[in-house]
Amino acid sequence: MSFKTAAATWKRVLAAMNAEKAFQVDLSPWGMFMAADIVVKAVMVGLAFASLVTWTIWLAKSLEIFGGKIRARRAASAIGDAATLMQAGRALGHSGGPGALLVRAAEEERALSVGALDHASSDGLKERVASRLSRIEAAASRRMSRGTGLLATIGSTAPFVGLFGTVWGIMNAFIGISQAQTTNLAVVAPGIAEALLATAMGLVVAIPAVVIYNVFARSIAGYKQILADASAGVERLVSRDLDFRAVPPAAE
């Protein structure tokens, strides 16, 4: 065997060994993350943080909505069972929540208007009570909706952030192909797999965020409806109290 033949044989052996090593690249999610470009790593870390934020909001907001609905239903039930505004106030006592605030606001407004009721129409009091109740409803709705906008933002942007990581990773893969001057699948596959992992992470983050946002939107709409029912009940109690106030004592 000549020297040239031996050298060529040794080169083929080295090429085969290098190809085998290339195929042994760790293509697990963690291995691909560790081998990814710094920009792709930053994208993946950002998506992982967004996922953590999504599930944190889900847990906190689920508990908040559940507790808020229970308090609102109790308040609406107490208001509906009461014959007068005073009875509703005693039933709710010093309990918290927007439902109790609705009753207290109506009582405060009526107390402030007692001196004018003998000289003016009761329509003004009804308008003032309705105005205060609507502001309490709006504040409670805003408070309950806090944080859901972030879910919508994550759900709409996460796929594009992942796509950016994929594009950047594929660009690096093509640069690597040009530098290696080969289109061997063993050389191309790891870089493309790392890039596609970013898109997969973007979808994994975005899909739950959109689903959770839609569930919360329906739940908050139901919460608003309960508050609207409680507010309407308070207005009925105020109107009833005003009508009975105008009835002469002998007719009671």
Protein backbone atom coordinates (compact mmCIF):
# COMPACT_ATOMS: atom_id res chain seq x y z
CA MET A 1 0.00 0.00 0.00
CA SER A 2 1.44 3.34 -1.02
CA PHE A 3 1.66 6.36 1.22
CA LYS A 4 -1.00 8.24 -0.78
CA THR A 5 -3.40 5.30 -0.57
CA ALA A 6 -2.88 5.06 3.21
CA ALA A 7 -3.40 8.79 3.64
CA ALA A 8 -6.63 8.70 1.64
CA THR A 9 -7.87 5.73 3.66
CA TRP A 10 -7.07 7.55 6.92
CA LYS A 11 -8.94 10.64 5.73
CA ARG A 12 -12.01 8.56 4.97
CA VAL A 13 -11.83 6.99 8.45
CA LEU A 14 -11.55 10.44 10.07
CA ALA A 15 -14.49 11.71 8.00
CA ALA A 16 -16.57 8.73 9.08
CA MET A 17 -15.64 9.31 12.73
CA ASN A 18 -16.53 13.00 12.48
CA ALA A 19 -19.85 12.17 10.87
CA GLU A 20 -20.61 9.70 13.66
CA LYS A 21 -19.78 12.33 16.27
CA ALA A 22 -22.05 14.82 14.51
CA PHE A 23 -24.91 12.36 14.67
CA GLN A 24 -24.26 12.01 18.39
CA VAL A 25 -25.17 15.65 19.03
CA ASP A 26 -27.56 16.00 22.00
CA LEU A 27 -30.92 16.87 20.44
CA SER A 28 -32.86 16.91 23.69
CA PRO A 29 -34.61 20.24 24.49
CA TRP A 30 -31.98 21.10 27.11
CA GLY A 31 -29.12 20.05 24.83
CA MET A 32 -30.49 22.15 21.97
CA PHE A 33 -30.92 25.12 24.32
CA MET A 34 -27.33 24.87 25.55
CA ALA A 35 -26.01 24.61 21.97
CA ALA A 36 -28.14 27.48 20.64
CA ASP A 37 -26.88 30.96 19.72
CA ILE A 38 -27.00 33.62 22.46
CA VAL A 39 -29.86 35.45 20.72
CA VAL A 40 -31.92 32.25 20.43
CA LYS A 41 -31.15 31.50 24.08
CA ALA A 42 -32.41 34.96 25.05
CA VAL A 43 -35.62 34.36 23.09
CA MET A 44 -36.17 31.01 24.80
CA VAL A 45 -35.52 32.45 28.26
CA GLY A 46 -37.94 35.29 27.55
CA LEU A 47 -40.62 32.83 26.41
CA ALA A 48 -40.06 30.68 29.51
CA PHE A 49 -40.50 33.77 31.69
CA ALA A 50 -43.69 34.70 29.80
CA SER A 51 -45.01 31.20 30.43
CA LEU A 52 -44.28 31.58 34.14
CA VAL A 53 -46.13 34.91 34.18
CA THR A 54 -49.11 33.34 32.37
CA TRP A 55 -49.54 30.53 34.86
CA THR A 56 -48.99 32.85 37.82
CA ILE A 57 -51.76 35.13 36.57
CA TRP A 58 -53.97 32.09 35.98
CA LEU A 59 -53.60 30.93 39.58
CA ALA A 60 -53.94 34.34 41.21
CA LYS A 61 -56.79 35.54 39.00
CA SER A 62 -58.70 32.25 39.29
CA LEU A 63 -58.72 32.56 43.06
CA GLU A 64 -59.66 36.25 42.86
CA ILE A 65 -62.56 35.69 40.47
CA PHE A 66 -63.83 32.69 42.44
CA GLY A 67 -63.81 34.63 45.71
CA GLY A 68 -65.28 37.74 44.08
CA LYS A 69 -68.18 35.80 42.60
CA ILE A 70 -68.99 34.17 45.93
CA ARG A 71 -69.05 37.54 47.73
CA ALA A 72 -71.06 39.18 44.96
CA ARG A 73 -73.65 36.36 44.95
CA ARG A 74 -74.05 36.58 48.73
CA ALA A 75 -74.49 40.34 48.54
CA ALA A 76 -76.99 40.08 45.67
CA SER A 77 -78.95 37.44 47.60
CA ALA A 78 -79.03 39.58 50.75
CA ILE A 79 -80.15 42.63 48.78
CA GLY A 80 -82.84 40.66 46.98
CA ASP A 81 -84.21 39.23 50.25
CA ALA A 82 -84.31 42.61 52.02
CA ALA A 83 -87.46 44.72 52.10
CA THR A 84 -85.66 47.98 52.88
CA LEU A 85 -82.21 49.42 52.40
CA MET A 86 -81.66 49.31 56.17
CA GLN A 87 -82.40 45.58 56.23
CA ALA A 88 -79.89 45.01 53.43
CA GLY A 89 -77.28 47.00 55.36
CA ARG A 90 -77.85 44.94 58.51
CA ALA A 91 -77.70 41.68 56.53
CA LEU A 92 -74.36 42.59 54.98
CA GLY A 93 -72.97 44.12 58.15
CA HIS A 94 -69.31 45.03 57.84
CA SER A 95 -68.58 42.50 55.11
CA GLY A 96 -66.29 43.55 52.32
CA GLY A 97 -66.69 43.41 48.58
CA PRO A 98 -68.38 45.63 46.00
CA GLY A 99 -71.86 44.33 46.94
CA ALA A 100 -71.60 45.71 50.47
CA LEU A 101 -70.12 48.95 49.09
CA LEU A 102 -73.18 49.40 46.90
CA VAL A 103 -75.50 49.31 49.93
CA ARG A 104 -73.27 51.59 52.01
CA ALA A 105 -72.98 54.11 49.19
CA ALA A 106 -76.79 54.23 48.84
CA GLU A 107 -77.20 54.66 52.60
CA GLU A 108 -74.63 57.47 52.68
CA GLU A 109 -76.23 59.29 49.76
CA ARG A 110 -79.68 58.99 51.32
CA ALA A 111 -78.36 60.30 54.65
CA LEU A 112 -76.78 63.28 52.89
CA SER A 113 -80.05 64.04 51.10
CA VAL A 114 -82.46 63.72 54.04
CA GLY A 115 -82.74 67.47 54.51
CA ALA A 116 -83.69 68.05 50.88
CA LEU A 117 -86.26 65.29 50.48
CA ASP A 118 -89.04 67.33 52.11
CA HIS A 119 -88.51 70.20 49.66
CA ALA A 120 -87.41 68.54 46.42
CA SER A 121 -88.34 65.63 44.23
CA SER A 122 -86.83 62.22 45.01
CA ASP A 123 -85.62 61.92 41.41
CA GLY A 124 -82.41 63.75 42.28
CA LEU A 125 -81.58 61.26 45.02
CA LYS A 126 -82.24 58.34 42.67
CA GLU A 127 -79.91 59.85 40.07
CA ARG A 128 -77.15 60.43 42.60
CA VAL A 129 -77.47 56.90 43.96
CA ALA A 130 -77.40 55.45 40.44
CA SER A 131 -74.28 57.50 39.66
CA ARG A 132 -72.42 56.27 42.74
CA LEU A 133 -73.45 52.67 42.13
CA SER A 134 -72.26 52.78 38.52
CA ARG A 135 -68.85 54.11 39.63
CA ILE A 136 -68.50 51.31 42.18
CA GLU A 137 -69.40 48.74 39.52
CA ALA A 138 -66.87 50.21 37.09
CA ALA A 139 -64.10 50.25 39.71
CA ALA A 140 -64.81 46.63 40.70
CA SER A 141 -64.79 45.55 37.04
CA ARG A 142 -61.48 47.29 36.37
CA ARG A 143 -59.96 45.73 39.45
CA MET A 144 -61.15 42.25 38.45
CA SER A 145 -59.85 42.71 34.87
CA ARG A 146 -56.40 43.79 36.03
CA GLY A 147 -53.71 41.48 34.64
CA THR A 148 -55.80 39.93 31.88
CA GLY A 149 -54.46 42.41 29.33
CA LEU A 150 -50.99 40.96 29.88
CA LEU A 151 -52.34 37.53 28.91
CA ALA A 152 -53.67 38.98 25.66
CA THR A 153 -50.29 40.58 24.96
CA ILE A 154 -48.42 37.33 25.62
CA GLY A 155 -50.86 35.31 23.53
CA SER A 156 -50.55 37.63 20.54
CA THR A 157 -46.79 38.24 20.59
CA ALA A 158 -45.29 34.93 21.79
CA PRO A 159 -45.58 33.19 18.38
CA PHE A 160 -43.78 36.07 16.65
CA VAL A 161 -41.05 36.16 19.30
CA GLY A 162 -40.53 32.43 18.77
CA LEU A 163 -40.51 32.96 15.02
CA PHE A 164 -37.81 35.60 15.41
CA GLY A 165 -35.68 33.06 17.30
CA THR A 166 -36.30 30.51 14.55
CA VAL A 167 -35.29 32.90 11.77
CA TRP A 168 -32.16 33.90 13.65
CA GLY A 169 -31.25 30.27 14.33
CA ILE A 170 -31.75 29.22 10.70
CA MET A 171 -29.60 32.13 9.55
CA ASN A 172 -26.81 30.86 11.81
CA ALA A 173 -27.37 27.32 10.50
CA PHE A 174 -26.88 28.49 6.91
CA ILE A 175 -23.79 30.41 7.94
CA GLY A 176 -22.46 27.23 9.50
CA ILE A 177 -23.21 25.29 6.32
CA SER A 178 -21.27 27.80 4.22
CA GLN A 179 -18.32 27.70 6.60
CA ALA A 180 -18.28 23.89 6.70
CA GLN A 181 -18.81 23.75 2.93
CA THR A 182 -21.08 20.74 3.24
CA THR A 183 -24.79 20.03 3.14
CA ASN A 184 -24.49 16.85 5.19
CA LEU A 185 -27.65 16.37 7.24
CA ALA A 186 -25.56 15.67 10.32
CA VAL A 187 -24.18 19.22 10.06
CA VAL A 188 -27.45 20.94 9.16
CA ALA A 189 -29.92 19.16 11.46
CA PRO A 190 -28.76 20.40 14.90
CA GLY A 191 -28.85 24.08 13.97
CA ILE A 192 -32.29 23.82 12.35
CA ALA A 193 -33.63 21.80 15.30
CA GLU A 194 -32.42 24.46 17.72
CA ALA A 195 -34.12 27.14 15.65
CA LEU A 196 -37.43 25.28 15.43
CA LEU A 197 -37.42 24.78 19.20
CA ALA A 198 -37.94 28.53 19.57
CA THR A 199 -41.10 28.39 17.43
CA ALA A 200 -42.38 25.43 19.44
CA MET A 201 -41.81 27.33 22.68
CA GLY A 202 -43.63 30.35 21.28
CA LEU A 203 -46.69 28.23 20.53
CA VAL A 204 -46.52 26.48 23.90
CA VAL A 205 -46.57 29.90 25.58
CA ALA A 206 -49.18 31.54 23.33
CA ILE A 207 -51.87 28.84 23.23
CA PRO A 208 -52.46 28.61 27.01
CA ALA A 209 -52.34 32.41 27.32
CA VAL A 210 -55.11 32.85 24.72
CA VAL A 211 -57.26 30.07 26.21
CA ILE A 212 -56.88 31.44 29.76
CA TYR A 213 -57.66 34.97 28.57
CA ASN A 214 -60.89 33.83 26.93
CA VAL A 215 -61.93 31.88 30.03
CA PHE A 216 -61.26 34.90 32.23
CA ALA A 217 -63.18 37.18 29.86
CA ARG A 218 -66.28 35.00 30.22
CA SER A 219 -65.86 34.71 33.99
CA ILE A 220 -65.43 38.46 34.43
CA ALA A 221 -68.49 39.10 32.28
CA GLY A 222 -70.46 36.85 34.64
CA TYR A 223 -69.05 38.72 37.63
CA LYS A 224 -70.11 42.04 36.12
CA GLN A 225 -73.63 40.68 35.61
CA ILE A 226 -73.88 39.69 39.28
CA LEU A 227 -72.78 43.19 40.31
CA ALA A 228 -75.34 44.70 37.92
CA ASP A 229 -78.07 42.60 39.54
CA ALA A 230 -76.96 43.73 43.00
CA SER A 231 -76.88 47.37 41.88
CA ALA A 232 -80.37 47.09 40.41
CA GLY A 233 -81.57 45.58 43.69
CA VAL A 234 -80.14 48.53 45.66
CA GLU A 235 -81.87 50.98 43.35
CA ARG A 236 -85.17 49.16 43.91
CA LEU A 237 -84.71 49.35 47.68
CA VAL A 238 -83.98 53.09 47.51
CA SER A 239 -87.04 53.68 45.35
CA ARG A 240 -89.23 51.60 47.69
CA ASP A 241 -87.98 53.45 50.76
CA LEU A 242 -88.73 56.79 49.10
CA ASP A 243 -92.25 55.70 48.14
CA PHE A 244 -93.07 54.49 51.65
CA ARG A 245 -91.58 57.69 53.09
CA ALA A 246 -94.22 59.65 51.15
CA VAL A 247 -97.09 57.52 52.50
CA PRO A 248 -98.98 59.22 55.35
CA PRO A 249 -98.62 57.48 58.72
CA ALA A 250 -102.32 56.62 58.87
CA ALA A 251 -102.11 54.80 55.51
CA GLU A 252 -99.16 52.63 56.53
